[in-house]
PDB file of N, CA and C in Angstrom:
ATOM      1  N   UNK A   1      90.488 113.376 247.482  1.00  0.00           N
ATOM      2  CA  UNK A   1      91.607 112.684 246.860  1.00  0.00           C
ATOM      3  C   UNK A   1      91.762 113.214 245.439  1.00  0.00           C
ATOM      4  N   UNK A   2      92.968 113.597 245.111  1.00  0.00           N
ATOM      5  CA  UNK A   2      93.217 114.125 243.780  1.00  0.00           C
ATOM      6  C   UNK A   2      94.283 113.323 243.068  1.00  0.00           C
ATOM      7  N   UNK A   3      94.273 113.441 241.774  1.00  0.00           N
ATOM      8  CA  UNK A   3      95.275 112.758 240.944  1.00  0.00           C
ATOM      9  C   UNK A   3      96.210 113.818 240.380  1.00  0.00           C
ATOM     10  N   UNK A   4      97.494 113.602 240.553  1.00  0.00           N
ATOM     11  CA  UNK A   4      98.483 114.539 240.040  1.00  0.00           C
ATOM     12  C   UNK A   4      99.262 113.852 238.930  1.00  0.00           C
ATOM     13  N   UNK A   5      99.309 114.492 237.784  1.00  0.00           N
ATOM     14  CA  UNK A   5     100.070 113.956 236.648  1.00  0.00           C
ATOM     15  C   UNK A   5     101.303 114.822 236.475  1.00  0.00           C
ATOM     16  N   UNK A   6     102.450 114.192 236.574  1.00  0.00           N
ATOM     17  CA  UNK A   6     103.700 114.917 236.379  1.00  0.00           C
ATOM     18  C   UNK A   6     104.345 114.441 235.088  1.00  0.00           C
ATOM     19  N   UNK A   7     104.772 115.361 234.293  1.00  0.00           N
ATOM     20  CA  UNK A   7     105.440 115.008 233.043  1.00  0.00           C
ATOM     21  C   UNK A   7     106.898 115.384 233.148  1.00  0.00           C
ATOM     22  N   UNK A   8     107.712 114.540 232.608  1.00  0.00           N
ATOM     23  CA  UNK A   8     109.143 114.820 232.607  1.00  0.00           C
ATOM     24  C   UNK A   8     109.458 115.825 231.510  1.00  0.00           C
ATOM     25  N   UNK A   9     110.346 116.708 231.847  1.00  0.00           N
ATOM     26  CA  UNK A   9     110.805 117.659 230.823  1.00  0.00           C
ATOM     27  C   UNK A   9     111.733 116.933 229.870  1.00  0.00           C
ATOM     28  N   UNK A  10     111.631 117.275 228.621  1.00  0.00           N
ATOM     29  CA  UNK A  10     112.563 116.678 227.665  1.00  0.00           C
ATOM     30  C   UNK A  10     113.927 117.320 227.863  1.00  0.00           C
ATOM     31  N   UNK A  11     114.982 116.523 227.824  1.00  0.00           N
ATOM     32  CA  UNK A  11     116.321 117.095 228.010  1.00  0.00           C
ATOM     33  C   UNK A  11     116.663 118.039 226.862  1.00  0.00           C
ATOM     34  N   UNK A  12     117.446 119.064 227.147  1.00  0.00           N
ATOM     35  CA  UNK A  12     117.821 120.000 226.083  1.00  0.00           C
ATOM     36  C   UNK A  12     118.698 119.318 225.037  1.00  0.00           C
ATOM     37  N   UNK A  13     118.683 119.865 223.859  1.00  0.00           N
ATOM     38  CA  UNK A  13     119.500 119.320 222.774  1.00  0.00           C
ATOM     39  C   UNK A  13     120.979 119.489 223.102  1.00  0.00           C
ATOM     40  N   UNK A  14     121.759 118.566 222.645  1.00  0.00           N
ATOM     41  CA  UNK A  14     123.201 118.601 222.887  1.00  0.00           C
ATOM     42  C   UNK A  14     123.886 119.007 221.590  1.00  0.00           C
ATOM     43  N   UNK A  15     124.713 120.019 221.664  1.00  0.00           N
ATOM     44  CA  UNK A  15     125.478 120.476 220.505  1.00  0.00           C
ATOM     45  C   UNK A  15     126.946 120.153 220.728  1.00  0.00           C
ATOM     46  N   UNK A  16     127.580 119.686 219.690  1.00  0.00           N
ATOM     47  CA  UNK A  16     129.007 119.386 219.756  1.00  0.00           C
ATOM     48  C   UNK A  16     129.728 120.304 218.790  1.00  0.00           C
ATOM     49  N   UNK A  17     130.742 120.988 219.278  1.00  0.00           N
ATOM     50  CA  UNK A  17     131.526 121.901 218.457  1.00  0.00           C
ATOM     51  C   UNK A  17     132.983 121.497 218.558  1.00  0.00           C
ATOM     52  N   UNK A  18     133.622 121.351 217.430  1.00  0.00           N
ATOM     53  CA  UNK A  18     135.051 121.041 217.417  1.00  0.00           C
ATOM     54  C   UNK A  18     135.798 122.277 216.939  1.00  0.00           C
ATOM     55  N   UNK A  19     136.735 122.729 217.737  1.00  0.00           N
ATOM     56  CA  UNK A  19     137.547 123.887 217.383  1.00  0.00           C
ATOM     57  C   UNK A  19     138.932 123.379 217.017  1.00  0.00           C
ATOM     58  N   UNK A  20     139.335 123.646 215.789  1.00  0.00           N
ATOM     59  CA  UNK A  20     140.656 123.233 215.325  1.00  0.00           C
ATOM     60  C   UNK A  20     141.519 124.477 215.249  1.00  0.00           C
ATOM     61  N   UNK A  21     142.537 124.503 216.068  1.00  0.00           N
ATOM     62  CA  UNK A  21     143.399 125.679 216.127  1.00  0.00           C
ATOM     63  C   UNK A  21     144.608 125.502 215.206  1.00  0.00           C
ATOM     64  N   UNK A  22     145.235 126.598 214.836  1.00  0.00           N
ATOM     65  CA  UNK A  22     146.454 126.493 214.028  1.00  0.00           C
ATOM     66  C   UNK A  22     147.541 125.756 214.810  1.00  0.00           C
ATOM     67  N   UNK A  23     148.408 125.090 214.119  1.00  0.00           N
ATOM     68  CA  UNK A  23     149.458 124.311 214.779  1.00  0.00           C
ATOM     69  C   UNK A  23     150.736 125.121 214.967  1.00  0.00           C
ATOM     70  N   UNK A  24     150.558 126.369 215.325  1.00  0.00           N
ATOM     71  CA  UNK A  24     151.727 127.207 215.601  1.00  0.00           C
ATOM     72  C   UNK A  24     151.616 127.745 217.015  1.00  0.00           C
ATOM     73  N   UNK A  25     152.718 128.035 217.605  1.00  0.00           N
ATOM     74  CA  UNK A  25     152.709 128.620 218.938  1.00  0.00           C
ATOM     75  C   UNK A  25     152.438 130.111 218.897  1.00  0.00           C
ATOM     76  N   UNK A  26     152.350 130.670 217.709  1.00  0.00           N
ATOM     77  CA  UNK A  26     152.113 132.098 217.579  1.00  0.00           C
ATOM     78  C   UNK A  26     150.631 132.454 217.721  1.00  0.00           C
ATOM     79  N   UNK A  27     149.767 131.441 217.756  1.00  0.00           N
ATOM     80  CA  UNK A  27     148.327 131.706 217.869  1.00  0.00           C
ATOM     81  C   UNK A  27     148.022 132.303 219.243  1.00  0.00           C
ATOM     82  N   UNK A  28     147.136 133.285 219.266  1.00  0.00           N
ATOM     83  CA  UNK A  28     146.766 133.930 220.529  1.00  0.00           C
ATOM     84  C   UNK A  28     145.471 133.324 221.060  1.00  0.00           C
ATOM     85  N   UNK A  29     145.107 133.721 222.244  1.00  0.00           N
ATOM     86  CA  UNK A  29     143.891 133.225 222.883  1.00  0.00           C
ATOM     87  C   UNK A  29     142.645 133.967 222.398  1.00  0.00           C
ATOM     88  N   UNK A  30     142.810 135.064 221.681  1.00  0.00           N
ATOM     89  CA  UNK A  30     141.688 135.902 221.273  1.00  0.00           C
ATOM     90  C   UNK A  30     140.626 135.150 220.472  1.00  0.00           C
ATOM     91  N   UNK A  31     140.953 134.296 219.486  1.00  0.00           N
ATOM     92  CA  UNK A  31     139.890 133.585 218.771  1.00  0.00           C
ATOM     93  C   UNK A  31     139.035 132.707 219.687  1.00  0.00           C
ATOM     94  N   UNK A  32     139.637 132.056 220.650  1.00  0.00           N
ATOM     95  CA  UNK A  32     138.878 131.235 221.588  1.00  0.00           C
ATOM     96  C   UNK A  32     138.001 132.103 222.474  1.00  0.00           C
ATOM     97  N   UNK A  33     138.533 133.220 222.895  1.00  0.00           N
ATOM     98  CA  UNK A  33     137.757 134.152 223.718  1.00  0.00           C
ATOM     99  C   UNK A  33     136.547 134.662 222.945  1.00  0.00           C
ATOM    100  N   UNK A  34     136.719 134.966 221.678  1.00  0.00           N
ATOM    101  CA  UNK A  34     135.606 135.427 220.841  1.00  0.00           C
ATOM    102  C   UNK A  34     134.565 134.331 220.649  1.00  0.00           C
ATOM    103  N   UNK A  35     135.010 133.083 220.455  1.00  0.00           N
ATOM    104  CA  UNK A  35     134.085 131.967 220.290  1.00  0.00           C
ATOM    105  C   UNK A  35     133.252 131.776 221.552  1.00  0.00           C
ATOM    106  N   UNK A  36     133.887 131.783 222.712  1.00  0.00           N
ATOM    107  CA  UNK A  36     133.155 131.587 223.956  1.00  0.00           C
ATOM    108  C   UNK A  36     132.178 132.732 224.219  1.00  0.00           C
ATOM    109  N   UNK A  37     132.550 133.930 223.861  1.00  0.00           N
ATOM    110  CA  UNK A  37     131.632 135.064 224.017  1.00  0.00           C
ATOM    111  C   UNK A  37     130.433 134.927 223.089  1.00  0.00           C
ATOM    112  N   UNK A  38     130.647 134.375 221.895  1.00  0.00           N
ATOM    113  CA  UNK A  38     129.564 134.233 220.932  1.00  0.00           C
ATOM    114  C   UNK A  38     128.572 133.151 221.335  1.00  0.00           C
ATOM    115  N   UNK A  39     129.046 132.086 221.992  1.00  0.00           N
ATOM    116  CA  UNK A  39     128.139 130.992 222.343  1.00  0.00           C
ATOM    117  C   UNK A  39     127.622 131.091 223.773  1.00  0.00           C
ATOM    118  N   UNK A  40     127.994 132.132 224.499  1.00  0.00           N
ATOM    119  CA  UNK A  40     127.542 132.253 225.885  1.00  0.00           C
ATOM    120  C   UNK A  40     126.030 132.468 225.914  1.00  0.00           C
ATOM    121  N   UNK A  41     125.415 131.925 226.938  1.00  0.00           N
ATOM    122  CA  UNK A  41     123.966 131.990 227.089  1.00  0.00           C
ATOM    123  C   UNK A  41     123.607 132.723 228.368  1.00  0.00           C
ATOM    124  N   UNK A  42     122.331 133.039 228.513  1.00  0.00           N
ATOM    125  CA  UNK A  42     121.857 133.664 229.743  1.00  0.00           C
ATOM    126  C   UNK A  42     121.536 132.619 230.802  1.00  0.00           C
ATOM    127  N   UNK A  43     121.811 131.375 230.506  1.00  0.00           N
ATOM    128  CA  UNK A  43     121.554 130.293 231.448  1.00  0.00           C
ATOM    129  C   UNK A  43     122.827 129.473 231.596  1.00  0.00           C
ATOM    130  N   UNK A  44     122.938 128.689 232.638  1.00  0.00           N
ATOM    131  CA  UNK A  44     124.153 127.900 232.847  1.00  0.00           C
ATOM    132  C   UNK A  44     124.385 126.902 231.713  1.00  0.00           C
ATOM    133  N   UNK A  45     125.641 126.675 231.386  1.00  0.00           N
ATOM    134  CA  UNK A  45     125.992 125.650 230.415  1.00  0.00           C
ATOM    135  C   UNK A  45     127.316 125.052 230.824  1.00  0.00           C
ATOM    136  N   UNK A  46     127.603 123.871 230.299  1.00  0.00           N
ATOM    137  CA  UNK A  46     128.883 123.248 230.643  1.00  0.00           C
ATOM    138  C   UNK A  46     129.772 123.231 229.415  1.00  0.00           C
ATOM    139  N   UNK A  47     131.042 123.258 229.674  1.00  0.00           N
ATOM    140  CA  UNK A  47     132.034 123.257 228.607  1.00  0.00           C
ATOM    141  C   UNK A  47     133.102 122.233 228.958  1.00  0.00           C
ATOM    142  N   UNK A  48     133.318 121.302 228.078  1.00  0.00           N
ATOM    143  CA  UNK A  48     134.350 120.281 228.304  1.00  0.00           C
ATOM    144  C   UNK A  48     135.468 120.543 227.326  1.00  0.00           C
ATOM    145  N   UNK A  49     136.680 120.657 227.853  1.00  0.00           N
ATOM    146  CA  UNK A  49     137.836 120.926 227.015  1.00  0.00           C
ATOM    147  C   UNK A  49     138.778 119.721 227.101  1.00  0.00           C
ATOM    148  N   UNK A  50     139.154 119.210 225.948  1.00  0.00           N
ATOM    149  CA  UNK A  50     140.093 118.087 225.887  1.00  0.00           C
ATOM    150  C   UNK A  50     141.182 118.407 224.887  1.00  0.00           C
ATOM    151  N   UNK A  51     142.358 117.908 225.140  1.00  0.00           N
ATOM    152  CA  UNK A  51     143.474 118.139 224.231  1.00  0.00           C
ATOM    153  C   UNK A  51     144.266 116.862 224.085  1.00  0.00           C
ATOM    154  N   UNK A  52     144.890 116.736 222.947  1.00  0.00           N
ATOM    155  CA  UNK A  52     145.752 115.563 222.719  1.00  0.00           C
ATOM    156  C   UNK A  52     147.130 116.026 222.350  1.00  0.00           C
TER     157      UNK A  52
END
């Protein structure tokens, strides 16, 4: 008979980033594309996008 001790992994830290875009229709998608490329990881991550 053996005793097994299992420890829970601590959840990863949560980072919140707010992107404020210019209020013109002339803005392109390139700045957002650059931001997403900069924060991309070698592991899965989730991205929630909301607009008002």
